Amino acid sequence: MDEAALSITMKTTEPLDQDADHTAYSIQQSKLRTEEDHRLTLAERKKEKVRDQITDLRNTFLKISGKNTDAEEHLRITEDDFQIDPDFFAIL
């Protein structure tokens, strides 16, 4: 039975291959959006964790740098000694 005959049999006037409400999300779209939102939430949590680690490392460095500044002259290390990879900064 073709679509036109089925439409007449069911007495419908709208095409059968279209949803009645075009603004409503399908179940599949809803599922995909939920999964995407979940992935975005996990990524944001991971980014926040890395940001916290960076903040902790910066605070630790500032404490060490302050101790270096407060140390006696003959015990201080130079700022160049704080650079672990000087080639990296040369590239930047």
N, C-alpha and C. Protein backbone atom coordinates (compact mmCIF):
# COMPACT_ATOMS: atom_id res chain seq x y z
N MET A 1 0.85 -1.17 0.00
CA MET A 1 0.00 0.00 0.00
C MET A 1 0.90 1.23 0.00
N ASP A 2 0.65 2.18 -0.85
CA ASP A 2 1.48 3.37 -0.90
C ASP A 2 1.00 4.41 0.12
N GLU A 3 1.79 5.46 0.26
CA GLU A 3 1.52 6.48 1.28
C GLU A 3 0.20 7.20 1.04
N ALA A 4 -0.13 7.50 -0.18
CA ALA A 4 -1.39 8.20 -0.49
C ALA A 4 -2.59 7.35 -0.11
N ALA A 5 -2.54 6.06 -0.43
CA ALA A 5 -3.66 5.18 -0.09
C ALA A 5 -3.78 5.03 1.42
N LEU A 6 -2.64 4.94 2.09
CA LEU A 6 -2.66 4.83 3.54
C LEU A 6 -3.21 6.09 4.18
N SER A 7 -2.86 7.23 3.61
CA SER A 7 -3.36 8.51 4.11
C SER A 7 -4.87 8.61 3.96
N ILE A 8 -5.37 8.14 2.85
CA ILE A 8 -6.82 8.17 2.63
C ILE A 8 -7.51 7.20 3.58
N THR A 9 -6.93 6.03 3.78
CA THR A 9 -7.51 5.03 4.67
C THR A 9 -7.56 5.56 6.10
N MET A 10 -6.50 6.25 6.51
CA MET A 10 -6.44 6.76 7.88
C MET A 10 -7.15 8.11 8.00
N LYS A 11 -7.55 8.70 6.86
CA LYS A 11 -8.23 9.98 6.81
C LYS A 11 -7.40 11.10 7.43
N THR A 12 -6.12 11.13 7.07
CA THR A 12 -5.25 12.21 7.53
C THR A 12 -4.99 13.15 6.38
N THR A 13 -4.70 14.39 6.73
CA THR A 13 -4.41 15.37 5.69
C THR A 13 -2.95 15.77 5.68
N GLU A 14 -2.21 15.45 6.74
CA GLU A 14 -0.80 15.82 6.78
C GLU A 14 0.05 14.64 6.32
N PRO A 15 1.22 14.92 5.79
CA PRO A 15 2.10 13.84 5.34
C PRO A 15 2.49 12.94 6.50
N LEU A 16 2.67 11.66 6.23
CA LEU A 16 2.96 10.70 7.28
C LEU A 16 4.41 10.73 7.74
N ASP A 17 5.31 11.23 6.91
CA ASP A 17 6.72 11.18 7.25
C ASP A 17 7.18 12.37 8.08
N GLN A 18 6.29 13.24 8.51
CA GLN A 18 6.67 14.41 9.30
C GLN A 18 6.04 14.33 10.68
N ASP A 19 6.78 14.86 11.66
CA ASP A 19 6.25 14.93 13.02
C ASP A 19 5.20 16.03 13.09
N ALA A 20 4.29 15.91 14.02
CA ALA A 20 3.25 16.92 14.19
C ALA A 20 3.83 18.21 14.73
N ASP A 21 4.78 18.13 15.64
CA ASP A 21 5.38 19.32 16.24
C ASP A 21 6.85 19.38 15.83
N HIS A 22 7.19 20.36 15.01
CA HIS A 22 8.57 20.47 14.51
C HIS A 22 9.52 21.03 15.56
N THR A 23 9.00 21.67 16.60
CA THR A 23 9.87 22.25 17.61
C THR A 23 10.25 21.25 18.69
N ALA A 24 9.53 20.17 18.80
CA ALA A 24 9.83 19.16 19.82
C ALA A 24 11.04 18.33 19.40
N TYR A 25 11.89 18.02 20.38
CA TYR A 25 13.06 17.20 20.10
C TYR A 25 12.66 15.73 20.08
N SER A 26 13.30 15.01 19.21
CA SER A 26 13.06 13.57 19.19
C SER A 26 13.79 12.94 20.36
N ILE A 27 13.49 11.72 20.64
CA ILE A 27 14.14 11.00 21.74
C ILE A 27 15.63 10.89 21.47
N GLN A 28 16.00 10.63 20.23
CA GLN A 28 17.41 10.51 19.88
C GLN A 28 18.14 11.83 20.07
N GLN A 29 17.54 12.93 19.64
CA GLN A 29 18.16 14.25 19.81
C GLN A 29 18.33 14.56 21.29
N SER A 30 17.32 14.25 22.07
CA SER A 30 17.40 14.49 23.50
C SER A 30 18.53 13.68 24.13
N LYS A 31 18.65 12.43 23.73
CA LYS A 31 19.71 11.57 24.25
C LYS A 31 21.08 12.11 23.87
N LEU A 32 21.23 12.53 22.61
CA LEU A 32 22.51 13.07 22.15
C LEU A 32 22.87 14.36 22.90
N ARG A 33 21.88 15.21 23.11
CA ARG A 33 22.13 16.45 23.85
C ARG A 33 22.52 16.17 25.30
N THR A 34 21.87 15.19 25.90
CA THR A 34 22.20 14.83 27.28
C THR A 34 23.63 14.29 27.36
N GLU A 35 24.01 13.44 26.43
CA GLU A 35 25.37 12.91 26.40
C GLU A 35 26.39 14.02 26.19
N GLU A 36 26.09 14.95 25.30
CA GLU A 36 27.00 16.07 25.04
C GLU A 36 27.13 16.95 26.27
N ASP A 37 26.02 17.22 26.94
CA ASP A 37 26.07 18.01 28.17
C ASP A 37 26.91 17.31 29.23
N HIS A 38 26.78 16.00 29.31
CA HIS A 38 27.57 15.22 30.28
C HIS A 38 29.06 15.32 29.96
N ARG A 39 29.40 15.18 28.69
CA ARG A 39 30.81 15.29 28.28
C ARG A 39 31.36 16.69 28.59
N LEU A 40 30.57 17.71 28.31
CA LEU A 40 31.00 19.08 28.59
C LEU A 40 31.20 19.31 30.09
N THR A 41 30.32 18.74 30.89
CA THR A 41 30.45 18.87 32.34
C THR A 41 31.72 18.18 32.84
N LEU A 42 31.99 16.99 32.33
CA LEU A 42 33.21 16.29 32.73
C LEU A 42 34.46 17.05 32.30
N ALA A 43 34.43 17.60 31.10
CA ALA A 43 35.58 18.37 30.61
C ALA A 43 35.80 19.62 31.46
N GLU A 44 34.72 20.28 31.84
CA GLU A 44 34.84 21.48 32.66
C GLU A 44 35.38 21.13 34.05
N ARG A 45 34.96 20.00 34.61
CA ARG A 45 35.50 19.56 35.91
C ARG A 45 37.00 19.29 35.81
N LYS A 46 37.40 18.66 34.71
CA LYS A 46 38.82 18.36 34.52
C LYS A 46 39.64 19.65 34.38
N LYS A 47 39.10 20.60 33.63
CA LYS A 47 39.78 21.88 33.47
C LYS A 47 39.92 22.59 34.82
N GLU A 48 38.87 22.55 35.61
CA GLU A 48 38.90 23.21 36.93
C GLU A 48 39.93 22.55 37.84
N LYS A 49 40.04 21.23 37.75
CA LYS A 49 41.03 20.51 38.55
C LYS A 49 42.45 20.92 38.14
N VAL A 50 42.70 21.04 36.85
CA VAL A 50 44.01 21.47 36.36
C VAL A 50 44.29 22.91 36.78
N ARG A 51 43.27 23.76 36.71
CA ARG A 51 43.45 25.15 37.16
C ARG A 51 43.82 25.22 38.64
N ASP A 52 43.18 24.37 39.45
CA ASP A 52 43.51 24.33 40.87
C ASP A 52 44.94 23.87 41.10
N GLN A 53 45.38 22.88 40.33
CA GLN A 53 46.76 22.40 40.45
C GLN A 53 47.75 23.50 40.07
N ILE A 54 47.44 24.24 39.02
CA ILE A 54 48.32 25.33 38.59
C ILE A 54 48.39 26.40 39.67
N THR A 55 47.24 26.72 40.27
CA THR A 55 47.21 27.72 41.34
C THR A 55 48.06 27.25 42.52
N ASP A 56 47.95 25.98 42.89
CA ASP A 56 48.76 25.43 43.98
C ASP A 56 50.25 25.52 43.65
N LEU A 57 50.61 25.19 42.42
CA LEU A 57 52.02 25.26 42.02
C LEU A 57 52.54 26.70 42.05
N ARG A 58 51.71 27.63 41.60
CA ARG A 58 52.11 29.05 41.64
C ARG A 58 52.33 29.51 43.08
N ASN A 59 51.41 29.13 43.96
CA ASN A 59 51.54 29.52 45.37
C ASN A 59 52.80 28.93 45.99
N THR A 60 53.09 27.67 45.67
CA THR A 60 54.31 27.02 46.17
C THR A 60 55.55 27.74 45.65
N PHE A 61 55.53 28.10 44.37
CA PHE A 61 56.67 28.81 43.80
C PHE A 61 56.86 30.16 44.47
N LEU A 62 55.77 30.87 44.73
CA LEU A 62 55.87 32.17 45.39
C LEU A 62 56.45 32.03 46.80
N LYS A 63 56.08 30.98 47.52
CA LYS A 63 56.63 30.74 48.86
C LYS A 63 58.14 30.48 48.78
N ILE A 64 58.52 29.63 47.84
CA ILE A 64 59.95 29.30 47.68
C ILE A 64 60.72 30.54 47.27
N SER A 65 60.17 31.31 46.36
CA SER A 65 60.83 32.53 45.91
C SER A 65 60.96 33.53 47.06
N GLY A 66 59.93 33.60 47.90
CA GLY A 66 60.00 34.49 49.07
C GLY A 66 61.06 34.04 50.06
N LYS A 67 61.16 32.73 50.28
CA LYS A 67 62.21 32.22 51.17
C LYS A 67 63.59 32.52 50.61
N ASN A 68 63.72 32.43 49.29
CA ASN A 68 64.99 32.73 48.65
C ASN A 68 65.35 34.20 48.85
N THR A 69 64.37 35.07 48.72
CA THR A 69 64.62 36.51 48.89
C THR A 69 64.99 36.82 50.33
N ASP A 70 64.37 36.13 51.28
CA ASP A 70 64.63 36.39 52.70
C ASP A 70 65.94 35.75 53.18
N ALA A 71 66.50 34.85 52.41
CA ALA A 71 67.73 34.17 52.83
C ALA A 71 68.91 35.13 52.76
N GLU A 72 69.95 34.74 53.44
CA GLU A 72 71.18 35.55 53.43
C GLU A 72 71.76 35.56 52.02
N GLU A 73 72.53 36.60 51.76
CA GLU A 73 73.06 36.83 50.41
C GLU A 73 73.83 35.63 49.87
N HIS A 74 74.66 35.02 50.68
CA HIS A 74 75.48 33.92 50.18
C HIS A 74 74.69 32.62 49.99
N LEU A 75 73.46 32.54 50.53
CA LEU A 75 72.63 31.36 50.38
C LEU A 75 71.62 31.47 49.24
N ARG A 76 71.43 32.66 48.73
CA ARG A 76 70.43 32.88 47.67
C ARG A 76 70.87 32.24 46.36
N ILE A 77 69.86 31.81 45.61
CA ILE A 77 70.13 31.34 44.25
C ILE A 77 69.63 32.40 43.28
N THR A 78 70.17 32.37 42.09
CA THR A 78 69.79 33.39 41.10
C THR A 78 68.45 33.03 40.46
N GLU A 79 67.86 34.02 39.82
CA GLU A 79 66.59 33.78 39.13
C GLU A 79 66.75 32.77 38.00
N ASP A 80 67.92 32.74 37.38
CA ASP A 80 68.17 31.77 36.31
C ASP A 80 68.10 30.33 36.81
N ASP A 81 68.44 30.12 38.07
CA ASP A 81 68.39 28.78 38.64
C ASP A 81 66.95 28.29 38.81
N PHE A 82 65.98 29.20 38.86
CA PHE A 82 64.58 28.82 38.97
C PHE A 82 64.02 28.30 37.65
N GLN A 83 64.69 28.60 36.55
CA GLN A 83 64.20 28.14 35.25
C GLN A 83 64.69 26.71 35.01
N ILE A 84 63.74 25.82 34.96
CA ILE A 84 64.07 24.41 34.76
C ILE A 84 64.47 24.15 33.32
N ASP A 85 63.77 24.76 32.39
CA ASP A 85 64.03 24.56 30.97
C ASP A 85 64.22 25.91 30.29
N PRO A 86 65.44 26.45 30.30
CA PRO A 86 65.67 27.78 29.72
C PRO A 86 65.42 27.81 28.19
N ASP A 87 65.57 26.68 27.52
CA ASP A 87 65.32 26.63 26.07
C ASP A 87 63.85 26.91 25.77
N PHE A 88 62.98 26.48 26.67
CA PHE A 88 61.55 26.72 26.48
C PHE A 88 61.25 28.21 26.42
N PHE A 89 61.85 28.95 27.34
CA PHE A 89 61.61 30.40 27.35
C PHE A 89 62.28 31.09 26.17
N ALA A 90 63.36 30.52 25.70
CA ALA A 90 64.01 31.07 24.51
C ALA A 90 63.10 30.91 23.28
N ILE A 91 62.40 29.79 23.21
CA ILE A 91 61.48 29.54 22.10
C ILE A 91 60.30 30.50 22.17
N LEU A 92 59.80 30.73 23.39
CA LEU A 92 58.66 31.64 23.54
C LEU A 92 59.05 33.04 23.14
